[in-house]
Amino acid sequence: MNGLERQVRSGARGLALIGLAGLLVLAIMTTLDVLLRWLFAAPLHGVNDVSAVVMAVVVAACIPANLAFKQNITVNVLGAFLGVRAERCFEVLASLLTLIFVGLMAWQFVPYAAGLKETGEQTWVLAWPVWPWWACAAALLCLATLVQVMVLVEDVRALVTGGRGVPGDAPPAV
């Protein structure tokens, strides 16, 4: 694994940690909202607003790490049955299809965020503009697309050279 791949994986891992922190904050806010409603009949106003806009960013922040470390759900029955070369061909095909899918998602998120900016849509209670959150999610999906390009190149390299297509720098078990 070269230095660029290592840096991409490190950056993707950092983004996933930020996404996890955002999810933790949302969980704490939701729990606090429920407790305040139950104990004092005094909810936290705007929790649904925050959840609605932050969730897209939280999920999008985790996608590059998922792709960089190949943590997708896979079924390798046919590839294992047909041999190593066929398995590597299936890896390349799966990486290509994943690239197309993530690229299409990013392609749709960009105009969606732009449309939200044009309409000036805001959250219901807090009146936050919605577009910056979706623009951030779109940028993260564009980054995920670039990460998947790197993964596809690795898989093609493994197919051509007969090397490993699995990242050698897997994240530590938590």
C-alpha atoms as a PDB file:
ATOM      1  CA  MET A   1       0.000   0.000   0.000  1.00  0.00           C
ATOM      2  CA  ASN A   2       1.477   3.355  -0.991  1.00  0.00           C
ATOM      3  CA  GLY A   3       1.464   6.603   0.974  1.00  0.00           C
ATOM      4  CA  LEU A   4      -1.535   8.087  -0.826  1.00  0.00           C
ATOM      5  CA  GLU A   5      -3.673   5.028  -0.108  1.00  0.00           C
ATOM      6  CA  ARG A   6      -2.603   5.136   3.541  1.00  0.00           C
ATOM      7  CA  GLN A   7      -3.493   8.841   3.765  1.00  0.00           C
ATOM      8  CA  VAL A   8      -6.879   8.277   2.117  1.00  0.00           C
ATOM      9  CA  ARG A   9      -7.683   5.474   4.547  1.00  0.00           C
ATOM     10  CA  SER A  10      -6.545   7.568   7.492  1.00  0.00           C
ATOM     11  CA  GLY A  11      -8.678  10.504   6.354  1.00  0.00           C
ATOM     12  CA  ALA A  12     -11.665   8.231   5.755  1.00  0.00           C
ATOM     13  CA  ARG A  13     -11.263   6.777   9.235  1.00  0.00           C
ATOM     14  CA  GLY A  14     -11.170  10.322  10.676  1.00  0.00           C
ATOM     15  CA  LEU A  15     -14.370  11.248   8.834  1.00  0.00           C
ATOM     16  CA  ALA A  16     -16.058   8.114  10.166  1.00  0.00           C
ATOM     17  CA  LEU A  17     -15.060   9.096  13.704  1.00  0.00           C
ATOM     18  CA  ILE A  18     -16.568  12.530  13.157  1.00  0.00           C
ATOM     19  CA  GLY A  19     -19.730  10.855  11.870  1.00  0.00           C
ATOM     20  CA  LEU A  20     -19.793   8.594  14.915  1.00  0.00           C
ATOM     21  CA  ALA A  21     -19.386  11.615  17.200  1.00  0.00           C
ATOM     22  CA  GLY A  22     -22.310  13.304  15.435  1.00  0.00           C
ATOM     23  CA  LEU A  23     -24.417  10.198  15.886  1.00  0.00           C
ATOM     24  CA  LEU A  24     -23.503  10.090  19.564  1.00  0.00           C
ATOM     25  CA  VAL A  25     -24.538  13.737  19.987  1.00  0.00           C
ATOM     26  CA  LEU A  26     -27.857  12.980  18.270  1.00  0.00           C
ATOM     27  CA  ALA A  27     -28.425   9.995  20.559  1.00  0.00           C
ATOM     28  CA  ILE A  28     -27.677  12.083  23.660  1.00  0.00           C
ATOM     29  CA  MET A  29     -30.004  14.860  22.473  1.00  0.00           C
ATOM     30  CA  THR A  30     -32.786  12.384  21.762  1.00  0.00           C
ATOM     31  CA  THR A  31     -32.361  10.681  25.128  1.00  0.00           C
ATOM     32  CA  LEU A  32     -32.331  14.015  26.913  1.00  0.00           C
ATOM     33  CA  ASP A  33     -35.439  15.094  24.998  1.00  0.00           C
ATOM     34  CA  VAL A  34     -37.283  11.914  26.007  1.00  0.00           C
ATOM     35  CA  LEU A  35     -36.233  12.242  29.654  1.00  0.00           C
ATOM     36  CA  LEU A  36     -37.238  15.896  29.837  1.00  0.00           C
ATOM     37  CA  ARG A  37     -40.607  15.109  28.249  1.00  0.00           C
ATOM     38  CA  TRP A  38     -41.206  12.238  30.656  1.00  0.00           C
ATOM     39  CA  LEU A  39     -39.971  13.850  33.875  1.00  0.00           C
ATOM     40  CA  PHE A  40     -40.882  17.501  33.429  1.00  0.00           C
ATOM     41  CA  ALA A  41     -43.179  17.687  30.395  1.00  0.00           C
ATOM     42  CA  ALA A  42     -40.568  20.055  28.932  1.00  0.00           C
ATOM     43  CA  PRO A  43     -39.145  18.769  25.641  1.00  0.00           C
ATOM     44  CA  LEU A  44     -36.032  20.072  23.958  1.00  0.00           C
ATOM     45  CA  HIS A  45     -37.329  22.131  21.081  1.00  0.00           C
ATOM     46  CA  GLY A  46     -35.714  21.464  17.729  1.00  0.00           C
ATOM     47  CA  VAL A  47     -34.335  17.971  18.332  1.00  0.00           C
ATOM     48  CA  ASN A  48     -36.211  16.687  15.288  1.00  0.00           C
ATOM     49  CA  ASP A  49     -34.828  19.585  13.241  1.00  0.00           C
ATOM     50  CA  VAL A  50     -31.272  18.784  14.266  1.00  0.00           C
ATOM     51  CA  SER A  51     -31.786  15.063  13.599  1.00  0.00           C
ATOM     52  CA  ALA A  52     -33.283  15.726  10.182  1.00  0.00           C
ATOM     53  CA  VAL A  53     -30.326  17.739   8.904  1.00  0.00           C
ATOM     54  CA  VAL A  54     -27.440  16.112  10.753  1.00  0.00           C
ATOM     55  CA  MET A  55     -28.347  12.498   9.934  1.00  0.00           C
ATOM     56  CA  ALA A  56     -27.516  12.859   6.228  1.00  0.00           C
ATOM     57  CA  VAL A  57     -24.072  14.216   7.101  1.00  0.00           C
ATOM     58  CA  VAL A  58     -23.464  11.543   9.740  1.00  0.00           C
ATOM     59  CA  VAL A  59     -24.277   8.733   7.317  1.00  0.00           C
ATOM     60  CA  ALA A  60     -22.330  10.295   4.436  1.00  0.00           C
ATOM     61  CA  ALA A  61     -19.282  10.766   6.686  1.00  0.00           C
ATOM     62  CA  CYS A  62     -19.083   7.012   7.266  1.00  0.00           C
ATOM     63  CA  ILE A  63     -19.330   5.946   3.614  1.00  0.00           C
ATOM     64  CA  PRO A  64     -15.709   6.725   2.578  1.00  0.00           C
ATOM     65  CA  ALA A  65     -14.323   4.537   5.386  1.00  0.00           C
ATOM     66  CA  ASN A  66     -16.733   1.748   4.529  1.00  0.00           C
ATOM     67  CA  LEU A  67     -15.507   1.821   0.945  1.00  0.00           C
ATOM     68  CA  ALA A  68     -11.809   2.336   1.715  1.00  0.00           C
ATOM     69  CA  PHE A  69     -11.675  -0.674   4.032  1.00  0.00           C
ATOM     70  CA  LYS A  70     -14.017  -2.809   1.909  1.00  0.00           C
ATOM     71  CA  GLN A  71     -16.462  -3.302   4.749  1.00  0.00           C
ATOM     72  CA  ASN A  72     -19.358  -4.025   2.432  1.00  0.00           C
ATOM     73  CA  ILE A  73     -21.399  -7.170   2.800  1.00  0.00           C
ATOM     74  CA  THR A  74     -20.114  -9.715   0.297  1.00  0.00           C
ATOM     75  CA  VAL A  75     -20.970 -13.249  -0.717  1.00  0.00           C
ATOM     76  CA  ASN A  76     -18.003 -15.083  -2.237  1.00  0.00           C
ATOM     77  CA  VAL A  77     -19.521 -18.486  -2.987  1.00  0.00           C
ATOM     78  CA  LEU A  78     -19.194 -18.409  -6.764  1.00  0.00           C
ATOM     79  CA  GLY A  79     -15.779 -16.759  -6.749  1.00  0.00           C
ATOM     80  CA  ALA A  80     -14.447 -19.257  -4.212  1.00  0.00           C
ATOM     81  CA  PHE A  81     -15.849 -22.129  -6.271  1.00  0.00           C
ATOM     82  CA  LEU A  82     -14.362 -20.932  -9.576  1.00  0.00           C
ATOM     83  CA  GLY A  83     -10.915 -20.076  -8.246  1.00  0.00           C
ATOM     84  CA  VAL A  84      -8.763 -17.123  -7.279  1.00  0.00           C
ATOM     85  CA  ARG A  85      -8.704 -15.450 -10.696  1.00  0.00           C
ATOM     86  CA  ALA A  86     -12.496 -15.574 -11.020  1.00  0.00           C
ATOM     87  CA  GLU A  87     -12.826 -14.249  -7.473  1.00  0.00           C
ATOM     88  CA  ARG A  88     -10.603 -11.290  -8.372  1.00  0.00           C
ATOM     89  CA  CYS A  89     -12.697 -10.670 -11.488  1.00  0.00           C
ATOM     90  CA  PHE A  90     -15.808 -10.587  -9.322  1.00  0.00           C
ATOM     91  CA  GLU A  91     -14.034  -8.167  -6.958  1.00  0.00           C
ATOM     92  CA  VAL A  92     -13.330  -5.819  -9.878  1.00  0.00           C
ATOM     93  CA  LEU A  93     -16.930  -6.104 -11.070  1.00  0.00           C
ATOM     94  CA  ALA A  94     -18.258  -5.428  -7.566  1.00  0.00           C
ATOM     95  CA  SER A  95     -15.930  -2.431  -7.181  1.00  0.00           C
ATOM     96  CA  LEU A  96     -17.049  -1.058 -10.542  1.00  0.00           C
ATOM     97  CA  LEU A  97     -20.739  -1.458  -9.691  1.00  0.00           C
ATOM     98  CA  THR A  98     -20.159   0.154  -6.296  1.00  0.00           C
ATOM     99  CA  LEU A  99     -18.372   3.051  -7.983  1.00  0.00           C
ATOM    100  CA  ILE A 100     -21.300   3.535 -10.359  1.00  0.00           C
ATOM    101  CA  PHE A 101     -23.809   3.430  -7.508  1.00  0.00           C
ATOM    102  CA  VAL A 102     -21.917   5.857  -5.240  1.00  0.00           C
ATOM    103  CA  GLY A 103     -21.199   8.132  -8.188  1.00  0.00           C
ATOM    104  CA  LEU A 104     -24.891   8.230  -9.094  1.00  0.00           C
ATOM    105  CA  MET A 105     -25.781   9.052  -5.492  1.00  0.00           C
ATOM    106  CA  ALA A 106     -23.271  11.921  -5.425  1.00  0.00           C
ATOM    107  CA  TRP A 107     -24.508  13.106  -8.818  1.00  0.00           C
ATOM    108  CA  GLN A 108     -28.064  13.336  -7.452  1.00  0.00           C
ATOM    109  CA  PHE A 109     -27.124  14.897  -4.090  1.00  0.00           C
ATOM    110  CA  VAL A 110     -25.342  17.873  -5.697  1.00  0.00           C
ATOM    111  CA  PRO A 111     -28.371  19.245  -7.597  1.00  0.00           C
ATOM    112  CA  TYR A 112     -30.626  18.376  -4.664  1.00  0.00           C
ATOM    113  CA  ALA A 113     -28.518  20.560  -2.344  1.00  0.00           C
ATOM    114  CA  ALA A 114     -28.440  23.319  -4.967  1.00  0.00           C
ATOM    115  CA  GLY A 115     -32.227  23.154  -5.253  1.00  0.00           C
ATOM    116  CA  LEU A 116     -32.587  23.468  -1.490  1.00  0.00           C
ATOM    117  CA  LYS A 117     -30.427  26.581  -1.602  1.00  0.00           C
ATOM    118  CA  GLU A 118     -32.544  28.090  -4.364  1.00  0.00           C
ATOM    119  CA  THR A 119     -35.810  27.440  -2.529  1.00  0.00           C
ATOM    120  CA  GLY A 120     -34.427  28.619   0.813  1.00  0.00           C
ATOM    121  CA  GLU A 121     -35.893  25.623   2.648  1.00  0.00           C
ATOM    122  CA  GLN A 122     -35.479  25.778   6.428  1.00  0.00           C
ATOM    123  CA  THR A 123     -36.052  23.442   9.334  1.00  0.00           C
ATOM    124  CA  TRP A 124     -39.469  23.637  10.960  1.00  0.00           C
ATOM    125  CA  VAL A 125     -38.665  24.799  14.525  1.00  0.00           C
ATOM    126  CA  LEU A 126     -35.141  26.224  14.477  1.00  0.00           C
ATOM    127  CA  ALA A 127     -35.434  27.803  11.008  1.00  0.00           C
ATOM    128  CA  TRP A 128     -31.958  26.576  10.023  1.00  0.00           C
ATOM    129  CA  PRO A 129     -31.210  26.602   6.318  1.00  0.00           C
ATOM    130  CA  VAL A 130     -31.222  23.001   5.104  1.00  0.00           C
ATOM    131  CA  TRP A 131     -28.981  23.298   2.048  1.00  0.00           C
ATOM    132  CA  PRO A 132     -25.584  23.539   3.814  1.00  0.00           C
ATOM    133  CA  TRP A 133     -26.152  20.190   5.492  1.00  0.00           C
ATOM    134  CA  TRP A 134     -27.098  18.504   2.229  1.00  0.00           C
ATOM    135  CA  ALA A 135     -24.191  20.215   0.453  1.00  0.00           C
ATOM    136  CA  CYS A 136     -21.866  18.735   3.070  1.00  0.00           C
ATOM    137  CA  ALA A 137     -23.418  15.299   2.527  1.00  0.00           C
ATOM    138  CA  ALA A 138     -23.008  15.746  -1.240  1.00  0.00           C
ATOM    139  CA  ALA A 139     -19.340  16.692  -0.813  1.00  0.00           C
ATOM    140  CA  LEU A 140     -18.786  13.616   1.360  1.00  0.00           C
ATOM    141  CA  LEU A 141     -20.398  11.429  -1.300  1.00  0.00           C
ATOM    142  CA  CYS A 142     -18.158  12.984  -3.951  1.00  0.00           C
ATOM    143  CA  LEU A 143     -15.200  12.133  -1.728  1.00  0.00           C
ATOM    144  CA  ALA A 144     -16.566   8.607  -1.325  1.00  0.00           C
ATOM    145  CA  THR A 145     -16.675   8.324  -5.119  1.00  0.00           C
ATOM    146  CA  LEU A 146     -12.977   9.210  -5.301  1.00  0.00           C
ATOM    147  CA  VAL A 147     -12.220   6.682  -2.564  1.00  0.00           C
ATOM    148  CA  GLN A 148     -14.066   4.021  -4.545  1.00  0.00           C
ATOM    149  CA  VAL A 149     -11.994   4.892  -7.618  1.00  0.00           C
ATOM    150  CA  MET A 150      -8.919   4.130  -5.506  1.00  0.00           C
ATOM    151  CA  VAL A 151     -10.446   0.809  -4.402  1.00  0.00           C
ATOM    152  CA  LEU A 152     -11.276  -0.099  -8.008  1.00  0.00           C
ATOM    153  CA  VAL A 153      -7.697   0.654  -9.077  1.00  0.00           C
ATOM    154  CA  GLU A 154      -6.422  -1.571  -6.244  1.00  0.00           C
ATOM    155  CA  ASP A 155      -8.726  -4.389  -7.321  1.00  0.00           C
ATOM    156  CA  VAL A 156      -7.685  -4.087 -10.968  1.00  0.00           C
ATOM    157  CA  ARG A 157      -4.033  -4.084  -9.857  1.00  0.00           C
ATOM    158  CA  ALA A 158      -4.679  -7.237  -7.789  1.00  0.00           C
ATOM    159  CA  LEU A 159      -6.333  -8.889 -10.792  1.00  0.00           C
ATOM    160  CA  VAL A 160      -3.487  -7.999 -13.159  1.00  0.00           C
ATOM    161  CA  THR A 161      -0.561  -8.691 -10.839  1.00  0.00           C
ATOM    162  CA  GLY A 162      -2.061 -11.512  -8.811  1.00  0.00           C
ATOM    163  CA  GLY A 163      -1.580  -9.576  -5.560  1.00  0.00           C
ATOM    164  CA  ARG A 164      -3.992  -9.010  -2.720  1.00  0.00           C
ATOM    165  CA  GLY A 165      -6.988  -6.767  -3.332  1.00  0.00           C
ATOM    166  CA  VAL A 166      -7.844  -6.540   0.348  1.00  0.00           C
ATOM    167  CA  PRO A 167      -6.472  -3.460   2.110  1.00  0.00           C
ATOM    168  CA  GLY A 168      -3.409  -4.356   4.154  1.00  0.00           C
ATOM    169  CA  ASP A 169      -4.096  -1.604   6.683  1.00  0.00           C
ATOM    170  CA  ALA A 170      -7.405  -2.784   8.085  1.00  0.00           C
ATOM    171  CA  PRO A 171      -8.819  -0.682  10.910  1.00  0.00           C
ATOM    172  CA  PRO A 172      -8.273  -2.002  14.424  1.00  0.00           C
ATOM    173  CA  ALA A 173     -11.135  -3.905  15.979  1.00  0.00           C
ATOM    174  CA  VAL A 174     -13.075  -1.756  18.394  1.00  0.00           C
END
